[in-house]
Protein backbone atom coordinates (compact mmCIF):
# COMPACT_ATOMS: atom_id res chain seq x y z
CA MET A 1 109.82 107.93 145.92
CA LYS A 2 108.24 105.02 144.10
CA GLN A 3 109.91 105.80 140.78
CA ALA A 4 113.01 107.76 141.81
CA VAL A 5 114.26 106.38 145.14
CA LEU A 6 112.99 102.88 145.85
CA PRO A 7 114.35 101.36 142.60
CA GLN A 8 117.87 102.71 143.16
CA LYS A 9 120.23 99.76 143.55
CA GLU A 10 121.58 100.53 147.02
CA VAL A 11 118.13 101.30 148.45
CA ALA A 12 116.49 98.30 146.78
CA ASN A 13 119.25 95.94 147.94
CA TYR A 14 119.04 97.19 151.53
CA LEU A 15 115.27 96.88 151.59
CA ASP A 16 115.40 93.36 150.14
CA LYS A 17 118.05 92.25 152.63
CA HIS A 18 116.63 93.72 155.84
CA PHE A 19 112.91 94.37 155.35
CA ILE A 20 109.79 92.92 153.80
CA PRO A 21 108.45 95.86 151.81
CA VAL A 22 104.69 96.13 151.34
CA MET A 23 103.26 98.90 149.22
CA LEU A 24 99.63 99.95 149.56
CA GLU A 25 97.80 102.40 147.33
CA ILE A 26 95.69 104.71 149.48
CA ASN A 27 92.93 104.91 146.87
CA ASP A 28 92.72 101.14 146.35
CA ASP A 29 93.82 99.35 149.52
CA ARG A 30 92.75 99.43 153.15
CA LEU A 31 95.30 100.23 155.80
CA PRO A 32 95.57 97.73 158.63
CA LYS A 33 93.71 98.65 161.81
CA GLY A 34 95.65 101.15 163.91
CA PHE A 35 97.56 102.64 160.97
CA SER A 36 96.67 106.03 159.56
CA TYR A 37 98.17 108.73 157.38
CA TYR A 38 97.67 112.42 156.84
CA ALA A 39 99.96 112.91 153.84
CA THR A 40 101.73 110.84 151.24
CA PRO A 41 104.09 109.21 151.05
CA THR A 42 103.91 107.67 154.51
CA PHE A 43 106.27 104.86 155.48
CA PHE A 44 105.59 102.52 158.39
CA VAL A 45 108.20 100.25 159.89
CA VAL A 46 106.53 97.33 161.62
CA SER A 47 108.16 94.86 163.98
CA PRO A 48 107.87 91.11 163.38
CA ASP A 49 105.07 90.99 165.97
CA GLY A 50 103.03 93.55 163.99
CA LYS A 51 103.63 96.64 166.12
CA SER A 52 104.37 99.96 164.49
CA VAL A 53 107.97 100.92 165.30
CA GLU A 54 108.15 104.13 163.31
CA ARG A 55 106.18 106.23 160.87
CA VAL A 56 107.77 108.78 158.58
CA VAL A 57 105.87 111.15 156.34
CA GLY A 58 107.28 112.74 153.22
CA GLY A 59 109.83 112.00 150.58
CA ALA A 60 113.60 111.93 150.64
CA ASN A 61 116.46 111.37 148.26
CA ALA A 62 118.09 107.93 148.09
CA SER A 63 120.89 108.78 150.52
CA GLN A 64 118.50 110.24 153.11
CA PHE A 65 116.11 107.31 152.84
CA LEU A 66 118.93 104.77 153.16
CA ASP A 67 120.19 106.57 156.27
CA TYR A 68 116.66 106.45 157.68
CA LEU A 69 116.36 102.71 156.98
CA LYS A 70 119.68 102.00 158.68
CA LYS A 71 118.71 104.07 161.72
CA VAL A 72 115.29 102.52 162.14
CA ARG A 73 116.64 99.00 161.64
CA THR A 74 118.64 99.35 164.85
CA ARG A 75 115.35 99.91 166.70
CA ILE A 76 113.82 96.61 165.60
CA LYS A 77 116.71 94.24 166.34
């Protein structure tokens, strides 16, 4: 995901326009309290007030991930 999907122009542009992406490395960084994972990659969508809106585990291709981002964005408006 990090090398193949996130850098793709359409995905990167959508993320930059509608989200504030934060990438944590599980071996180097601490997860915020209340957030956990059981597999990688794990994506959390967090509302502006800091509440977890959605968590998705696993990879996807660019089209699938963009569809996911669009769907979840409607839940945080």
